[in-house]
Amino acid sequence: MSRPNTSSEVRSPRGDSVSDAAGRVQALPRLNSRKLFADARELLIEHGDELYRLRWTRSGKLILTK
């Protein structure tokens, strides 16, 4: 009979433990969506030669489209 995994034993798709992955997420730059959008409901993001649209839905979700 197997025992349940503890959080330190759970692996991400890359093979890192969950606690290692969480530590990296905390070190990433953080932007507040309200400040990013200001008074708008959508914005355009240039990435290389591509243009993406980021929309803030009425239900509070974000949708990124190319």
PDB file of N, CA and C in Angstrom:
ATOM      1  N   MET A   1       0.848  -1.181   0.000  1.00  0.00           N
ATOM      2  CA  MET A   1       0.000   0.000   0.000  1.00  0.00           C
ATOM      3  C   MET A   1       0.888   1.235   0.000  1.00  0.00           C
ATOM      4  N   SER A   2       0.629   2.168  -0.922  1.00  0.00           N
ATOM      5  CA  SER A   2       1.470   3.356  -1.006  1.00  0.00           C
ATOM      6  C   SER A   2       0.953   4.441  -0.080  1.00  0.00           C
ATOM      7  N   ARG A   3       1.861   5.284   0.346  1.00  0.00           N
ATOM      8  CA  ARG A   3       1.464   6.384   1.217  1.00  0.00           C
ATOM      9  C   ARG A   3       1.303   7.645   0.373  1.00  0.00           C
ATOM     10  N   PRO A   4       0.499   8.619   0.819  1.00  0.00           N
ATOM     11  CA  PRO A   4       0.299   9.845   0.033  1.00  0.00           C
ATOM     12  C   PRO A   4       1.588  10.642  -0.071  1.00  0.00           C
ATOM     13  N   ASN A   5       1.735  11.355  -1.177  1.00  0.00           N
ATOM     14  CA  ASN A   5       2.901  12.217  -1.370  1.00  0.00           C
ATOM     15  C   ASN A   5       2.795  13.441  -0.485  1.00  0.00           C
ATOM     16  N   THR A   6       3.920  13.863   0.058  1.00  0.00           N
ATOM     17  CA  THR A   6       3.966  15.145   0.759  1.00  0.00           C
ATOM     18  C   THR A   6       4.357  16.186  -0.268  1.00  0.00           C
ATOM     19  N   SER A   7       4.181  17.469   0.052  1.00  0.00           N
ATOM     20  CA  SER A   7       4.482  18.520  -0.921  1.00  0.00           C
ATOM     21  C   SER A   7       5.943  18.485  -1.361  1.00  0.00           C
ATOM     22  N   SER A   8       6.841  18.040  -0.513  1.00  0.00           N
ATOM     23  CA  SER A   8       8.245  17.990  -0.904  1.00  0.00           C
ATOM     24  C   SER A   8       8.525  16.858  -1.892  1.00  0.00           C
ATOM     25  N   GLU A   9       7.601  15.883  -1.991  1.00  0.00           N
ATOM     26  CA  GLU A   9       7.796  14.769  -2.911  1.00  0.00           C
ATOM     27  C   GLU A   9       7.107  14.985  -4.248  1.00  0.00           C
ATOM     28  N   VAL A  10       6.191  15.933  -4.329  1.00  0.00           N
ATOM     29  CA  VAL A  10       5.468  16.195  -5.574  1.00  0.00           C
ATOM     30  C   VAL A  10       6.411  16.897  -6.539  1.00  0.00           C
ATOM     31  N   ARG A  11       6.403  16.456  -7.776  1.00  0.00           N
ATOM     32  CA  ARG A  11       7.305  17.015  -8.782  1.00  0.00           C
ATOM     33  C   ARG A  11       6.533  17.797  -9.836  1.00  0.00           C
ATOM     34  N   SER A  12       7.134  18.884 -10.308  1.00  0.00           N
ATOM     35  CA  SER A  12       6.550  19.638 -11.413  1.00  0.00           C
ATOM     36  C   SER A  12       6.877  18.915 -12.715  1.00  0.00           C
ATOM     37  N   PRO A  13       6.272  19.325 -13.840  1.00  0.00           N
ATOM     38  CA  PRO A  13       6.576  18.663 -15.119  1.00  0.00           C
ATOM     39  C   PRO A  13       8.063  18.681 -15.474  1.00  0.00           C
ATOM     40  N   ARG A  14       8.814  19.663 -14.966  1.00  0.00           N
ATOM     41  CA  ARG A  14      10.249  19.726 -15.247  1.00  0.00           C
ATOM     42  C   ARG A  14      11.064  18.880 -14.289  1.00  0.00           C
ATOM     43  N   GLY A  15      10.401  18.274 -13.304  1.00  0.00           N
ATOM     44  CA  GLY A  15      11.108  17.433 -12.350  1.00  0.00           C
ATOM     45  C   GLY A  15      11.519  18.151 -11.078  1.00  0.00           C
ATOM     46  N   ASP A  16      11.211  19.437 -10.967  1.00  0.00           N
ATOM     47  CA  ASP A  16      11.530  20.187  -9.758  1.00  0.00           C
ATOM     48  C   ASP A  16      10.478  19.901  -8.697  1.00  0.00           C
ATOM     49  N   SER A  17      10.849  19.998  -7.457  1.00  0.00           N
ATOM     50  CA  SER A  17       9.849  19.828  -6.406  1.00  0.00           C
ATOM     51  C   SER A  17       8.965  21.065  -6.367  1.00  0.00           C
ATOM     52  N   VAL A  18       7.773  20.918  -5.847  1.00  0.00           N
ATOM     53  CA  VAL A  18       6.831  22.028  -5.773  1.00  0.00           C
ATOM     54  C   VAL A  18       7.410  23.169  -4.960  1.00  0.00           C
ATOM     55  N   SER A  19       8.082  22.870  -3.859  1.00  0.00           N
ATOM     56  CA  SER A  19       8.639  23.932  -3.027  1.00  0.00           C
ATOM     57  C   SER A  19       9.722  24.704  -3.771  1.00  0.00           C
ATOM     58  N   ASP A  20      10.545  24.034  -4.594  1.00  0.00           N
ATOM     59  CA  ASP A  20      11.556  24.722  -5.403  1.00  0.00           C
ATOM     60  C   ASP A  20      10.883  25.639  -6.415  1.00  0.00           C
ATOM     61  N   ALA A  21       9.848  25.156  -7.076  1.00  0.00           N
ATOM     62  CA  ALA A  21       9.136  25.953  -8.074  1.00  0.00           C
ATOM     63  C   ALA A  21       8.477  27.165  -7.425  1.00  0.00           C
ATOM     64  N   ALA A  22       7.893  27.008  -6.243  1.00  0.00           N
ATOM     65  CA  ALA A  22       7.249  28.120  -5.543  1.00  0.00           C
ATOM     66  C   ALA A  22       8.272  29.188  -5.180  1.00  0.00           C
ATOM     67  N   GLY A  23       9.468  28.796  -4.819  1.00  0.00           N
ATOM     68  CA  GLY A  23      10.521  29.756  -4.496  1.00  0.00           C
ATOM     69  C   GLY A  23      10.901  30.599  -5.698  1.00  0.00           C
ATOM     70  N   ARG A  24      10.926  29.997  -6.874  1.00  0.00           N
ATOM     71  CA  ARG A  24      11.254  30.742  -8.093  1.00  0.00           C
ATOM     72  C   ARG A  24      10.136  31.703  -8.463  1.00  0.00           C
ATOM     73  N   VAL A  25       8.891  31.323  -8.264  1.00  0.00           N
ATOM     74  CA  VAL A  25       7.768  32.190  -8.594  1.00  0.00           C
ATOM     75  C   VAL A  25       7.816  33.453  -7.744  1.00  0.00           C
ATOM     76  N   GLN A  26       8.150  33.336  -6.479  1.00  0.00           N
ATOM     77  CA  GLN A  26       8.210  34.492  -5.600  1.00  0.00           C
ATOM     78  C   GLN A  26       9.306  35.455  -6.015  1.00  0.00           C
ATOM     79  N   ALA A  27      10.326  34.981  -6.718  1.00  0.00           N
ATOM     80  CA  ALA A  27      11.436  35.835  -7.111  1.00  0.00           C
ATOM     81  C   ALA A  27      11.164  36.570  -8.427  1.00  0.00           C
ATOM     82  N   LEU A  28      10.072  36.245  -9.113  1.00  0.00           N
ATOM     83  CA  LEU A  28       9.749  36.874 -10.385  1.00  0.00           C
ATOM     84  C   LEU A  28       9.216  38.282 -10.183  1.00  0.00           C
ATOM     85  N   PRO A  29       9.430  39.185 -11.166  1.00  0.00           N
ATOM     86  CA  PRO A  29       8.822  40.518 -11.068  1.00  0.00           C
ATOM     87  C   PRO A  29       7.300  40.395 -11.005  1.00  0.00           C
ATOM     88  N   ARG A  30       6.668  41.284 -10.284  1.00  0.00           N
ATOM     89  CA  ARG A  30       5.221  41.216 -10.098  1.00  0.00           C
ATOM     90  C   ARG A  30       4.583  42.531 -10.541  1.00  0.00           C
ATOM     91  N   LEU A  31       3.550  42.447 -11.373  1.00  0.00           N
ATOM     92  CA  LEU A  31       2.807  43.616 -11.821  1.00  0.00           C
ATOM     93  C   LEU A  31       1.368  43.510 -11.349  1.00  0.00           C
ATOM     94  N   ASN A  32       0.810  44.594 -10.888  1.00  0.00           N
ATOM     95  CA  ASN A  32      -0.587  44.623 -10.480  1.00  0.00           C
ATOM     96  C   ASN A  32      -1.431  44.877 -11.725  1.00  0.00           C
ATOM     97  N   SER A  33      -2.408  44.009 -12.004  1.00  0.00           N
ATOM     98  CA  SER A  33      -3.204  44.136 -13.224  1.00  0.00           C
ATOM     99  C   SER A  33      -3.988  45.446 -13.268  1.00  0.00           C
ATOM    100  N   ARG A  34      -4.450  45.934 -12.135  1.00  0.00           N
ATOM    101  CA  ARG A  34      -5.197  47.207 -12.131  1.00  0.00           C
ATOM    102  C   ARG A  34      -4.303  48.362 -12.572  1.00  0.00           C
ATOM    103  N   LYS A  35      -3.056  48.352 -12.145  1.00  0.00           N
ATOM    104  CA  LYS A  35      -2.127  49.404 -12.574  1.00  0.00           C
ATOM    105  C   LYS A  35      -1.747  49.210 -14.044  1.00  0.00           C
ATOM    106  N   LEU A  36      -1.595  47.976 -14.456  1.00  0.00           N
ATOM    107  CA  LEU A  36      -1.221  47.677 -15.836  1.00  0.00           C
ATOM    108  C   LEU A  36      -2.316  48.136 -16.803  1.00  0.00           C
ATOM    109  N   PHE A  37      -3.560  47.862 -16.488  1.00  0.00           N
ATOM    110  CA  PHE A  37      -4.676  48.223 -17.356  1.00  0.00           C
ATOM    111  C   PHE A  37      -5.114  49.671 -17.170  1.00  0.00           C
ATOM    112  N   ALA A  38      -4.843  50.278 -16.018  1.00  0.00           N
ATOM    113  CA  ALA A  38      -5.308  51.634 -15.683  1.00  0.00           C
ATOM    114  C   ALA A  38      -6.828  51.665 -15.850  1.00  0.00           C
ATOM    115  N   ASP A  39      -7.362  52.514 -16.724  1.00  0.00           N
ATOM    116  CA  ASP A  39      -8.817  52.615 -16.927  1.00  0.00           C
ATOM    117  C   ASP A  39      -9.295  51.781 -18.109  1.00  0.00           C
ATOM    118  N   ALA A  40      -8.403  51.056 -18.768  1.00  0.00           N
ATOM    119  CA  ALA A  40      -8.759  50.279 -19.959  1.00  0.00           C
ATOM    120  C   ALA A  40      -9.215  48.871 -19.588  1.00  0.00           C
ATOM    121  N   ARG A  41      -9.870  48.200 -20.500  1.00  0.00           N
ATOM    122  CA  ARG A  41     -10.273  46.801 -20.324  1.00  0.00           C
ATOM    123  C   ARG A  41      -9.416  45.881 -21.182  1.00  0.00           C
ATOM    124  N   GLU A  42      -8.609  46.458 -22.072  1.00  0.00           N
ATOM    125  CA  GLU A  42      -7.693  45.652 -22.877  1.00  0.00           C
ATOM    126  C   GLU A  42      -6.478  46.481 -23.238  1.00  0.00           C
ATOM    127  N   LEU A  43      -5.392  45.764 -23.567  1.00  0.00           N
ATOM    128  CA  LEU A  43      -4.165  46.434 -23.979  1.00  0.00           C
ATOM    129  C   LEU A  43      -3.444  45.567 -24.996  1.00  0.00           C
ATOM    130  N   LEU A  44      -2.522  46.183 -25.734  1.00  0.00           N
ATOM    131  CA  LEU A  44      -1.744  45.473 -26.736  1.00  0.00           C
ATOM    132  C   LEU A  44      -0.328  45.269 -26.211  1.00  0.00           C
ATOM    133  N   ILE A  45       0.225  44.106 -26.511  1.00  0.00           N
ATOM    134  CA  ILE A  45       1.580  43.763 -26.086  1.00  0.00           C
ATOM    135  C   ILE A  45       2.384  43.419 -27.331  1.00  0.00           C
ATOM    136  N   GLU A  46       3.480  44.128 -27.544  1.00  0.00           N
ATOM    137  CA  GLU A  46       4.393  43.802 -28.640  1.00  0.00           C
ATOM    138  C   GLU A  46       5.416  42.804 -28.128  1.00  0.00           C
ATOM    139  N   HIS A  47       5.564  41.701 -28.852  1.00  0.00           N
ATOM    140  CA  HIS A  47       6.544  40.677 -28.499  1.00  0.00           C
ATOM    141  C   HIS A  47       7.268  40.293 -29.782  1.00  0.00           C
ATOM    142  N   GLY A  48       8.475  40.803 -29.937  1.00  0.00           N
ATOM    143  CA  GLY A  48       9.195  40.592 -31.191  1.00  0.00           C
ATOM    144  C   GLY A  48       8.424  41.254 -32.316  1.00  0.00           C
ATOM    145  N   ASP A  49       8.139  40.508 -33.362  1.00  0.00           N
ATOM    146  CA  ASP A  49       7.370  41.029 -34.498  1.00  0.00           C
ATOM    147  C   ASP A  49       5.874  40.767 -34.352  1.00  0.00           C
ATOM    148  N   GLU A  50       5.456  40.201 -33.236  1.00  0.00           N
ATOM    149  CA  GLU A  50       4.058  39.821 -33.036  1.00  0.00           C
ATOM    150  C   GLU A  50       3.347  40.819 -32.128  1.00  0.00           C
ATOM    151  N   LEU A  51       2.044  40.925 -32.315  1.00  0.00           N
ATOM    152  CA  LEU A  51       1.215  41.788 -31.489  1.00  0.00           C
ATOM    153  C   LEU A  51       0.147  40.928 -30.815  1.00  0.00           C
ATOM    154  N   TYR A  52       0.038  41.046 -29.495  1.00  0.00           N
ATOM    155  CA  TYR A  52      -0.926  40.281 -28.707  1.00  0.00           C
ATOM    156  C   TYR A  52      -1.903  41.234 -28.032  1.00  0.00           C
ATOM    157  N   ARG A  53      -3.115  40.761 -27.808  1.00  0.00           N
ATOM    158  CA  ARG A  53      -4.139  41.541 -27.118  1.00  0.00           C
ATOM    159  C   ARG A  53      -4.431  40.855 -25.779  1.00  0.00           C
ATOM    160  N   LEU A  54      -4.346  41.622 -24.700  1.00  0.00           N
ATOM    161  CA  LEU A  54      -4.668  41.121 -23.369  1.00  0.00           C
ATOM    162  C   LEU A  54      -5.960  41.796 -22.926  1.00  0.00           C
ATOM    163  N   ARG A  55      -6.993  40.977 -22.685  1.00  0.00           N
ATOM    164  CA  ARG A  55      -8.303  41.503 -22.299  1.00  0.00           C
ATOM    165  C   ARG A  55      -8.646  41.100 -20.871  1.00  0.00           C
ATOM    166  N   TRP A  56      -9.291  42.007 -20.159  1.00  0.00           N
ATOM    167  CA  TRP A  56      -9.775  41.776 -18.810  1.00  0.00           C
ATOM    168  C   TRP A  56     -11.289  41.600 -18.927  1.00  0.00           C
ATOM    169  N   THR A  57     -11.787  40.405 -18.688  1.00  0.00           N
ATOM    170  CA  THR A  57     -13.196  40.114 -18.880  1.00  0.00           C
ATOM    171  C   THR A  57     -14.060  40.644 -17.749  1.00  0.00           C
ATOM    172  N   ARG A  58     -15.369  40.664 -17.990  1.00  0.00           N
ATOM    173  CA  ARG A  58     -16.308  41.119 -16.953  1.00  0.00           C
ATOM    174  C   ARG A  58     -16.244  40.241 -15.716  1.00  0.00           C
ATOM    175  N   SER A  59     -15.887  38.975 -15.909  1.00  0.00           N
ATOM    176  CA  SER A  59     -15.804  38.060 -14.765  1.00  0.00           C
ATOM    177  C   SER A  59     -14.445  38.131 -14.054  1.00  0.00           C
ATOM    178  N   GLY A  60     -13.570  39.062 -14.509  1.00  0.00           N
ATOM    179  CA  GLY A  60     -12.285  39.274 -13.839  1.00  0.00           C
ATOM    180  C   GLY A  60     -11.151  38.406 -14.317  1.00  0.00           C
ATOM    181  N   LYS A  61     -11.360  37.658 -15.408  1.00  0.00           N
ATOM    182  CA  LYS A  61     -10.303  36.803 -15.947  1.00  0.00           C
ATOM    183  C   LYS A  61      -9.530  37.543 -17.025  1.00  0.00           C
ATOM    184  N   LEU A  62      -8.317  37.057 -17.299  1.00  0.00           N
ATOM    185  CA  LEU A  62      -7.497  37.628 -18.358  1.00  0.00           C
ATOM    186  C   LEU A  62      -7.432  36.678 -19.539  1.00  0.00           C
ATOM    187  N   ILE A  63      -7.545  37.238 -20.751  1.00  0.00           N
ATOM    188  CA  ILE A  63      -7.454  36.423 -21.967  1.00  0.00           C
ATOM    189  C   ILE A  63      -6.410  37.059 -22.862  1.00  0.00           C
ATOM    190  N   LEU A  64      -5.421  36.257 -23.262  1.00  0.00           N
ATOM    191  CA  LEU A  64      -4.367  36.704 -24.145  1.00  0.00           C
ATOM    192  C   LEU A  64      -4.577  36.051 -25.505  1.00  0.00           C
ATOM    193  N   THR A  65      -4.688  36.879 -26.566  1.00  0.00           N
ATOM    194  CA  THR A  65      -4.873  36.361 -27.917  1.00  0.00           C
ATOM    195  C   THR A  65      -3.833  36.978 -28.844  1.00  0.00           C
ATOM    196  N   LYS A  66      -3.517  36.224 -29.882  1.00  0.00           N
ATOM    197  CA  LYS A  66      -2.544  36.678 -30.872  1.00  0.00           C
ATOM    198  C   LYS A  66      -3.239  37.424 -31.976  1.00  0.00           C
TER     199      LYS A  66
END
